[in-house]
Amino acid sequence: MNTNNNGYTLIYATVMVVIVALMLALVSGALKDTQNANVKLDKKKQILSSLQVKLDGQDADALYEKYIVSGLVINSKAEVLSESKEEAFGIDIIKELAKKLEDRKLPVYVANVDGQTKYIIPLRGAGLWGPIWGYIALNADKNTIFGTYFSHASETPGLGANIADAPFQKQFIGKHILNDKAEFVSIAVMKAGKTAEGKEQVDAIAGGTITSKGVEKMILDCLSQYDEFYKAGGTNK
């Protein structure tokens, strides 16, 4: 074969593309289980972080099994669809939020921390530059915030990205999502000096107003789905 003509070049390029594509597919397939395991482990770490569990040097899988004692899958009427911790963990929040409220499956993680029940609810929203997400842990009264975890895909370092830092997240601890009439009102995220009427609030990040408001909307949108769940009352287990 004449290696100097265009036909040879085209055949050579085609063969190389096929070989490289095959190798990439094989590598991807070999790593898929590991990648999935890492995604699940990271999710467990995020859930545990909302419970203020220290993870440094610890086995996150073991801690998750220790603290997360059960799971619920409910609908917007607070009807229990499943009591499987595994099924609750496997729900894709993005897909559920794309459905009509009445068709959604809503996961609740039930934890035991020092003998006290905590309810953990997942969050998903939008920041300035991309998606934001997190978890809120409520006390047994389904009203008082025990802890939070927030993260992001691409918010501005030093500004909106600070939603992932402890100083911002710790502001939510002890705040209430219900008003004096036991109505769901959520939590406001306000600029310094500004006040929200009818609900408790935390300070927005200086220079990160849009991301801060994204967190406020995310909490409102996601927690409001569980309105009937809060009305069902709490437990002191």
C-alpha atoms as a PDB file:
ATOM      1  CA  MET A   1       0.000   0.000   0.000  1.00  0.00           C
ATOM      2  CA  ASN A   2       1.232   3.445  -0.851  1.00  0.00           C
ATOM      3  CA  THR A   3       1.658   5.171   2.498  1.00  0.00           C
ATOM      4  CA  ASN A   4       1.873   8.581   0.866  1.00  0.00           C
ATOM      5  CA  ASN A   5      -1.621   8.779  -0.603  1.00  0.00           C
ATOM      6  CA  ASN A   6      -4.781  10.169   1.001  1.00  0.00           C
ATOM      7  CA  GLY A   7      -6.493   6.777   1.199  1.00  0.00           C
ATOM      8  CA  TYR A   8      -3.820   5.377   3.483  1.00  0.00           C
ATOM      9  CA  THR A   9      -4.017   8.436   5.727  1.00  0.00           C
ATOM     10  CA  LEU A  10      -7.798   8.119   6.005  1.00  0.00           C
ATOM     11  CA  ILE A  11      -7.670   4.402   6.806  1.00  0.00           C
ATOM     12  CA  TYR A  12      -4.900   4.915   9.372  1.00  0.00           C
ATOM     13  CA  ALA A  13      -6.810   7.737  11.097  1.00  0.00           C
ATOM     14  CA  THR A  14     -10.020   5.683  11.161  1.00  0.00           C
ATOM     15  CA  VAL A  15      -8.290   2.656  12.691  1.00  0.00           C
ATOM     16  CA  MET A  16      -6.625   4.812  15.350  1.00  0.00           C
ATOM     17  CA  VAL A  17      -9.914   6.484  16.271  1.00  0.00           C
ATOM     18  CA  VAL A  18     -11.615   3.086  16.629  1.00  0.00           C
ATOM     19  CA  ILE A  19      -8.772   1.719  18.769  1.00  0.00           C
ATOM     20  CA  VAL A  20      -8.701   4.760  21.051  1.00  0.00           C
ATOM     21  CA  ALA A  21     -12.496   4.763  21.390  1.00  0.00           C
ATOM     22  CA  LEU A  22     -12.452   1.056  22.278  1.00  0.00           C
ATOM     23  CA  MET A  23      -9.735   1.589  24.886  1.00  0.00           C
ATOM     24  CA  LEU A  24     -11.625   4.495  26.452  1.00  0.00           C
ATOM     25  CA  ALA A  25     -14.813   2.428  26.575  1.00  0.00           C
ATOM     26  CA  LEU A  26     -12.972  -0.450  28.268  1.00  0.00           C
ATOM     27  CA  VAL A  27     -11.358   1.852  30.837  1.00  0.00           C
ATOM     28  CA  SER A  28     -14.663   3.600  31.521  1.00  0.00           C
ATOM     29  CA  GLY A  29     -16.405   0.278  32.030  1.00  0.00           C
ATOM     30  CA  ALA A  30     -13.671  -0.953  34.354  1.00  0.00           C
ATOM     31  CA  LEU A  31     -13.867   2.202  36.464  1.00  0.00           C
ATOM     32  CA  LYS A  32     -17.662   2.507  36.509  1.00  0.00           C
ATOM     33  CA  ASP A  33     -18.189   0.545  39.719  1.00  0.00           C
ATOM     34  CA  THR A  34     -15.462   2.524  41.489  1.00  0.00           C
ATOM     35  CA  GLN A  35     -16.898   5.821  40.257  1.00  0.00           C
ATOM     36  CA  ASN A  36     -20.400   4.887  41.415  1.00  0.00           C
ATOM     37  CA  ALA A  37     -19.052   3.836  44.816  1.00  0.00           C
ATOM     38  CA  ASN A  38     -17.243   7.166  45.179  1.00  0.00           C
ATOM     39  CA  VAL A  39     -20.410   9.109  44.287  1.00  0.00           C
ATOM     40  CA  LYS A  40     -22.389   7.193  46.914  1.00  0.00           C
ATOM     41  CA  LEU A  41     -19.655   7.696  49.513  1.00  0.00           C
ATOM     42  CA  ASP A  42     -19.556  11.433  48.834  1.00  0.00           C
ATOM     43  CA  LYS A  43     -23.344  11.627  49.230  1.00  0.00           C
ATOM     44  CA  LYS A  44     -23.115   9.855  52.562  1.00  0.00           C
ATOM     45  CA  LYS A  45     -20.444  12.320  53.697  1.00  0.00           C
ATOM     46  CA  GLN A  46     -22.682  15.249  52.760  1.00  0.00           C
ATOM     47  CA  ILE A  47     -25.615  13.810  54.699  1.00  0.00           C
ATOM     48  CA  LEU A  48     -23.394  13.211  57.726  1.00  0.00           C
ATOM     49  CA  SER A  49     -22.018  16.754  57.481  1.00  0.00           C
ATOM     50  CA  SER A  50     -25.546  18.126  57.918  1.00  0.00           C
ATOM     51  CA  LEU A  51     -25.567  16.257  61.246  1.00  0.00           C
ATOM     52  CA  GLN A  52     -22.312  17.952  62.275  1.00  0.00           C
ATOM     53  CA  VAL A  53     -20.542  14.590  62.313  1.00  0.00           C
ATOM     54  CA  LYS A  54     -16.755  14.890  62.172  1.00  0.00           C
ATOM     55  CA  LEU A  55     -15.451  12.877  59.229  1.00  0.00           C
ATOM     56  CA  ASP A  56     -11.689  13.446  59.375  1.00  0.00           C
ATOM     57  CA  GLY A  57      -9.929  10.096  59.286  1.00  0.00           C
ATOM     58  CA  GLN A  58     -13.203   8.234  59.859  1.00  0.00           C
ATOM     59  CA  ASP A  59     -14.924   5.482  57.897  1.00  0.00           C
ATOM     60  CA  ALA A  60     -17.838   7.354  56.296  1.00  0.00           C
ATOM     61  CA  ASP A  61     -19.672   4.153  55.379  1.00  0.00           C
ATOM     62  CA  ALA A  62     -19.555   2.941  58.984  1.00  0.00           C
ATOM     63  CA  LEU A  63     -20.597   6.341  60.332  1.00  0.00           C
ATOM     64  CA  TYR A  64     -23.518   6.482  57.919  1.00  0.00           C
ATOM     65  CA  GLU A  65     -24.770   3.104  59.102  1.00  0.00           C
ATOM     66  CA  LYS A  66     -24.330   4.216  62.703  1.00  0.00           C
ATOM     67  CA  TYR A  67     -26.203   7.519  62.485  1.00  0.00           C
ATOM     68  CA  ILE A  68     -28.748   6.982  59.687  1.00  0.00           C
ATOM     69  CA  VAL A  69     -31.072   4.477  61.299  1.00  0.00           C
ATOM     70  CA  SER A  70     -33.834   4.446  58.694  1.00  0.00           C
ATOM     71  CA  GLY A  71     -35.276   6.195  55.674  1.00  0.00           C
ATOM     72  CA  LEU A  72     -38.652   7.230  54.391  1.00  0.00           C
ATOM     73  CA  VAL A  73     -40.040   7.875  50.940  1.00  0.00           C
ATOM     74  CA  ILE A  74     -43.160  10.010  51.154  1.00  0.00           C
ATOM     75  CA  ASN A  75     -45.373  12.028  48.836  1.00  0.00           C
ATOM     76  CA  SER A  76     -46.501  15.635  49.206  1.00  0.00           C
ATOM     77  CA  LYS A  77     -49.411  14.469  51.385  1.00  0.00           C
ATOM     78  CA  ALA A  78     -46.905  12.906  53.812  1.00  0.00           C
ATOM     79  CA  GLU A  79     -48.153   9.441  52.912  1.00  0.00           C
ATOM     80  CA  VAL A  80     -45.395   6.879  53.391  1.00  0.00           C
ATOM     81  CA  LEU A  81     -44.559   5.116  50.131  1.00  0.00           C
ATOM     82  CA  SER A  82     -41.574   3.205  51.483  1.00  0.00           C
ATOM     83  CA  GLU A  83     -39.616   2.791  54.695  1.00  0.00           C
ATOM     84  CA  SER A  84     -36.489   1.592  52.942  1.00  0.00           C
ATOM     85  CA  LYS A  85     -33.300   3.483  53.723  1.00  0.00           C
ATOM     86  CA  GLU A  86     -31.767   2.180  50.502  1.00  0.00           C
ATOM     87  CA  GLU A  87     -34.699   3.333  48.375  1.00  0.00           C
ATOM     88  CA  ALA A  88     -34.653   6.792  49.964  1.00  0.00           C
ATOM     89  CA  PHE A  89     -30.905   7.038  49.286  1.00  0.00           C
ATOM     90  CA  GLY A  90     -31.354   6.057  45.645  1.00  0.00           C
ATOM     91  CA  ILE A  91     -33.879   8.759  44.737  1.00  0.00           C
ATOM     92  CA  ASP A  92     -32.629  11.289  42.181  1.00  0.00           C
ATOM     93  CA  ILE A  93     -33.724  14.702  43.483  1.00  0.00           C
ATOM     94  CA  ILE A  94     -33.172  16.384  40.122  1.00  0.00           C
ATOM     95  CA  LYS A  95     -35.584  14.013  38.404  1.00  0.00           C
ATOM     96  CA  GLU A  96     -38.175  14.345  41.164  1.00  0.00           C
ATOM     97  CA  LEU A  97     -38.117  18.153  41.063  1.00  0.00           C
ATOM     98  CA  ALA A  98     -38.904  17.985  37.348  1.00  0.00           C
ATOM     99  CA  LYS A  99     -42.199  16.229  38.113  1.00  0.00           C
ATOM    100  CA  LYS A 100     -45.466  17.696  39.322  1.00  0.00           C
ATOM    101  CA  LEU A 101     -45.514  18.012  43.107  1.00  0.00           C
ATOM    102  CA  GLU A 102     -48.201  15.375  43.527  1.00  0.00           C
ATOM    103  CA  ASP A 103     -46.121  12.867  41.533  1.00  0.00           C
ATOM    104  CA  ARG A 104     -42.857  13.321  43.397  1.00  0.00           C
ATOM    105  CA  LYS A 105     -41.191  10.794  45.673  1.00  0.00           C
ATOM    106  CA  LEU A 106     -39.653  12.704  48.580  1.00  0.00           C
ATOM    107  CA  PRO A 107     -36.821  11.119  50.579  1.00  0.00           C
ATOM    108  CA  VAL A 108     -36.301  11.656  54.300  1.00  0.00           C
ATOM    109  CA  TYR A 109     -33.261  10.314  56.125  1.00  0.00           C
ATOM    110  CA  VAL A 110     -33.923   9.498  59.780  1.00  0.00           C
ATOM    111  CA  ALA A 111     -30.919   9.774  62.074  1.00  0.00           C
ATOM    112  CA  ASN A 112     -30.189   9.147  65.722  1.00  0.00           C
ATOM    113  CA  VAL A 113     -27.707  11.527  67.307  1.00  0.00           C
ATOM    114  CA  ASP A 114     -27.042  11.051  71.019  1.00  0.00           C
ATOM    115  CA  GLY A 115     -30.419   9.396  71.423  1.00  0.00           C
ATOM    116  CA  GLN A 116     -32.322  12.166  69.606  1.00  0.00           C
ATOM    117  CA  THR A 117     -34.130  11.776  66.278  1.00  0.00           C
ATOM    118  CA  LYS A 118     -33.125  14.033  63.388  1.00  0.00           C
ATOM    119  CA  TYR A 119     -34.803  14.300  59.987  1.00  0.00           C
ATOM    120  CA  ILE A 120     -32.583  15.116  57.009  1.00  0.00           C
ATOM    121  CA  ILE A 121     -34.046  16.608  53.844  1.00  0.00           C
ATOM    122  CA  PRO A 122     -32.113  16.992  50.567  1.00  0.00           C
ATOM    123  CA  LEU A 123     -31.937  20.297  48.693  1.00  0.00           C
ATOM    124  CA  ARG A 124     -31.259  21.265  45.095  1.00  0.00           C
ATOM    125  CA  GLY A 125     -31.259  24.710  43.490  1.00  0.00           C
ATOM    126  CA  ALA A 126     -29.393  27.212  41.344  1.00  0.00           C
ATOM    127  CA  GLY A 127     -26.688  29.711  42.239  1.00  0.00           C
ATOM    128  CA  LEU A 128     -25.180  32.457  40.120  1.00  0.00           C
ATOM    129  CA  TRP A 129     -23.143  30.254  37.791  1.00  0.00           C
ATOM    130  CA  GLY A 130     -24.518  26.760  38.239  1.00  0.00           C
ATOM    131  CA  PRO A 131     -26.286  24.238  40.457  1.00  0.00           C
ATOM    132  CA  ILE A 132     -26.147  24.340  44.239  1.00  0.00           C
ATOM    133  CA  TRP A 133     -27.274  21.593  46.596  1.00  0.00           C
ATOM    134  CA  GLY A 134     -27.226  20.428  50.164  1.00  0.00           C
ATOM    135  CA  TYR A 135     -29.029  18.922  53.134  1.00  0.00           C
ATOM    136  CA  ILE A 136     -30.855  20.311  56.155  1.00  0.00           C
ATOM    137  CA  ALA A 137     -31.158  18.309  59.370  1.00  0.00           C
ATOM    138  CA  LEU A 138     -34.163  19.080  61.562  1.00  0.00           C
ATOM    139  CA  ASN A 139     -34.693  18.182  65.188  1.00  0.00           C
ATOM    140  CA  ALA A 140     -37.465  15.815  66.241  1.00  0.00           C
ATOM    141  CA  ASP A 141     -39.907  18.751  66.301  1.00  0.00           C
ATOM    142  CA  LYS A 142     -39.509  19.021  62.501  1.00  0.00           C
ATOM    143  CA  ASN A 143     -39.038  22.741  62.979  1.00  0.00           C
ATOM    144  CA  THR A 144     -35.661  23.538  64.533  1.00  0.00           C
ATOM    145  CA  ILE A 145     -32.595  23.292  62.289  1.00  0.00           C
ATOM    146  CA  PHE A 146     -29.938  21.044  63.794  1.00  0.00           C
ATOM    147  CA  GLY A 147     -27.379  21.428  61.015  1.00  0.00           C
ATOM    148  CA  THR A 148     -26.862  22.153  57.330  1.00  0.00           C
ATOM    149  CA  TYR A 149     -24.631  21.266  54.421  1.00  0.00           C
ATOM    150  CA  PHE A 150     -24.404  23.357  51.247  1.00  0.00           C
ATOM    151  CA  SER A 151     -22.184  22.957  48.201  1.00  0.00           C
ATOM    152  CA  HIS A 152     -21.923  24.190  44.614  1.00  0.00           C
ATOM    153  CA  ALA A 153     -20.569  23.415  41.175  1.00  0.00           C
ATOM    154  CA  SER A 154     -19.060  26.705  40.028  1.00  0.00           C
ATOM    155  CA  GLU A 155     -19.731  29.658  42.326  1.00  0.00           C
ATOM    156  CA  THR A 156     -17.133  32.438  42.604  1.00  0.00           C
ATOM    157  CA  PRO A 157     -14.283  31.652  45.051  1.00  0.00           C
ATOM    158  CA  GLY A 158     -14.282  33.989  48.039  1.00  0.00           C
ATOM    159  CA  LEU A 159     -17.829  35.136  47.265  1.00  0.00           C
ATOM    160  CA  GLY A 160     -20.715  32.815  46.404  1.00  0.00           C
ATOM    161  CA  ALA A 161     -18.526  29.764  46.980  1.00  0.00           C
ATOM    162  CA  ASN A 162     -18.574  30.633  50.684  1.00  0.00           C
ATOM    163  CA  ILE A 163     -21.946  28.923  51.021  1.00  0.00           C
ATOM    164  CA  ALA A 164     -19.858  25.762  51.492  1.00  0.00           C
ATOM    165  CA  ASP A 165     -17.993  27.239  54.470  1.00  0.00           C
ATOM    166  CA  ALA A 166     -18.804  26.760  58.151  1.00  0.00           C
ATOM    167  CA  PRO A 167     -19.357  30.471  59.058  1.00  0.00           C
ATOM    168  CA  PHE A 168     -22.283  30.711  56.627  1.00  0.00           C
ATOM    169  CA  GLN A 169     -23.754  27.300  57.388  1.00  0.00           C
ATOM    170  CA  LYS A 170     -23.585  27.596  61.180  1.00  0.00           C
ATOM    171  CA  GLN A 171     -25.916  30.608  61.075  1.00  0.00           C
ATOM    172  CA  PHE A 172     -28.818  28.268  60.333  1.00  0.00           C
ATOM    173  CA  ILE A 173     -28.388  26.161  63.466  1.00  0.00           C
ATOM    174  CA  GLY A 174     -31.245  26.767  65.896  1.00  0.00           C
ATOM    175  CA  LYS A 175     -33.375  28.640  63.348  1.00  0.00           C
ATOM    176  CA  HIS A 176     -36.996  27.621  62.827  1.00  0.00           C
ATOM    177  CA  ILE A 177     -38.727  26.881  59.529  1.00  0.00           C
ATOM    178  CA  LEU A 178     -42.246  27.227  61.004  1.00  0.00           C
ATOM    179  CA  ASN A 179     -43.840  30.351  62.463  1.00  0.00           C
ATOM    180  CA  ASP A 180     -45.728  30.687  65.746  1.00  0.00           C
ATOM    181  CA  LYS A 181     -48.834  29.264  64.072  1.00  0.00           C
ATOM    182  CA  ALA A 182     -46.913  26.154  62.978  1.00  0.00           C
ATOM    183  CA  GLU A 183     -47.062  27.297  59.348  1.00  0.00           C
ATOM    184  CA  PHE A 184     -44.102  26.653  57.065  1.00  0.00           C
ATOM    185  CA  VAL A 185     -42.340  29.932  56.227  1.00  0.00           C
ATOM    186  CA  SER A 186     -38.724  28.795  55.582  1.00  0.00           C
ATOM    187  CA  ILE A 187     -35.597  30.862  56.354  1.00  0.00           C
ATOM    188  CA  ALA A 188     -34.659  34.210  54.816  1.00  0.00           C
ATOM    189  CA  VAL A 189     -31.102  35.013  53.682  1.00  0.00           C
ATOM    190  CA  MET A 190     -30.753  38.775  53.921  1.00  0.00           C
ATOM    191  CA  LYS A 191     -28.150  41.464  53.314  1.00  0.00           C
ATOM    192  CA  ALA A 192     -26.687  42.957  56.471  1.00  0.00           C
ATOM    193  CA  GLY A 193     -29.080  45.514  57.926  1.00  0.00           C
ATOM    194  CA  LYS A 194     -32.104  44.128  56.086  1.00  0.00           C
ATOM    195  CA  THR A 195     -34.875  42.261  57.852  1.00  0.00           C
ATOM    196  CA  ALA A 196     -37.411  39.706  56.695  1.00  0.00           C
ATOM    197  CA  GLU A 197     -40.973  39.878  57.916  1.00  0.00           C
ATOM    198  CA  GLY A 198     -42.630  36.812  59.364  1.00  0.00           C
ATOM    199  CA  LYS A 199     -39.643  34.474  59.285  1.00  0.00           C
ATOM    200  CA  GLU A 200     -36.247  33.971  60.870  1.00  0.00           C
ATOM    201  CA  GLN A 201     -33.165  34.956  58.904  1.00  0.00           C
ATOM    202  CA  VAL A 202     -29.423  34.634  58.431  1.00  0.00           C
ATOM    203  CA  ASP A 203     -26.907  37.012  56.886  1.00  0.00           C
ATOM    204  CA  ALA A 204     -26.153  36.760  53.182  1.00  0.00           C
ATOM    205  CA  ILE A 205     -22.564  36.495  51.987  1.00  0.00           C
ATOM    206  CA  ALA A 206     -21.040  39.896  51.291  1.00  0.00           C
ATOM    207  CA  GLY A 207     -20.497  40.153  47.545  1.00  0.00           C
ATOM    208  CA  GLY A 208     -22.376  36.894  46.984  1.00  0.00           C
ATOM    209  CA  THR A 209     -25.950  38.136  47.065  1.00  0.00           C
ATOM    210  CA  ILE A 210     -27.228  36.180  44.078  1.00  0.00           C
ATOM    211  CA  THR A 211     -25.816  32.882  45.357  1.00  0.00           C
ATOM    212  CA  SER A 212     -27.140  33.666  48.844  1.00  0.00           C
ATOM    213  CA  LYS A 213     -30.592  34.280  47.434  1.00  0.00           C
ATOM    214  CA  GLY A 214     -30.197  31.041  45.498  1.00  0.00           C
ATOM    215  CA  VAL A 215     -29.748  29.244  48.819  1.00  0.00           C
ATOM    216  CA  GLU A 216     -32.837  31.002  50.198  1.00  0.00           C
ATOM    217  CA  LYS A 217     -34.929  29.920  47.197  1.00  0.00           C
ATOM    218  CA  MET A 218     -33.514  26.393  47.293  1.00  0.00           C
ATOM    219  CA  ILE A 219     -34.504  25.981  50.934  1.00  0.00           C
ATOM    220  CA  LEU A 220     -37.958  27.420  50.325  1.00  0.00           C
ATOM    221  CA  ASP A 221     -38.660  25.348  47.220  1.00  0.00           C
ATOM    222  CA  CYS A 222     -37.349  22.056  48.588  1.00  0.00           C
ATOM    223  CA  LEU A 223     -38.607  22.233  52.163  1.00  0.00           C
ATOM    224  CA  SER A 224     -42.065  23.423  51.099  1.00  0.00           C
ATOM    225  CA  GLN A 225     -42.616  20.025  49.465  1.00  0.00           C
ATOM    226  CA  TYR A 226     -42.676  18.497  52.953  1.00  0.00           C
ATOM    227  CA  ASP A 227     -45.288  20.854  54.412  1.00  0.00           C
ATOM    228  CA  GLU A 228     -47.676  18.046  55.368  1.00  0.00           C
ATOM    229  CA  PHE A 229     -44.776  16.103  56.903  1.00  0.00           C
ATOM    230  CA  TYR A 230     -44.119  18.913  59.384  1.00  0.00           C
ATOM    231  CA  LYS A 231     -47.782  19.018  60.355  1.00  0.00           C
ATOM    232  CA  ALA A 232     -47.695  15.319  61.154  1.00  0.00           C
ATOM    233  CA  GLY A 233     -45.832  16.164  64.351  1.00  0.00           C
ATOM    234  CA  GLY A 234     -42.515  15.060  65.753  1.00  0.00           C
ATOM    235  CA  THR A 235     -41.104  12.410  67.976  1.00  0.00           C
ATOM    236  CA  ASN A 236     -38.767  12.444  70.949  1.00  0.00           C
ATOM    237  CA  LYS A 237     -37.175   9.085  70.287  1.00  0.00           C
END
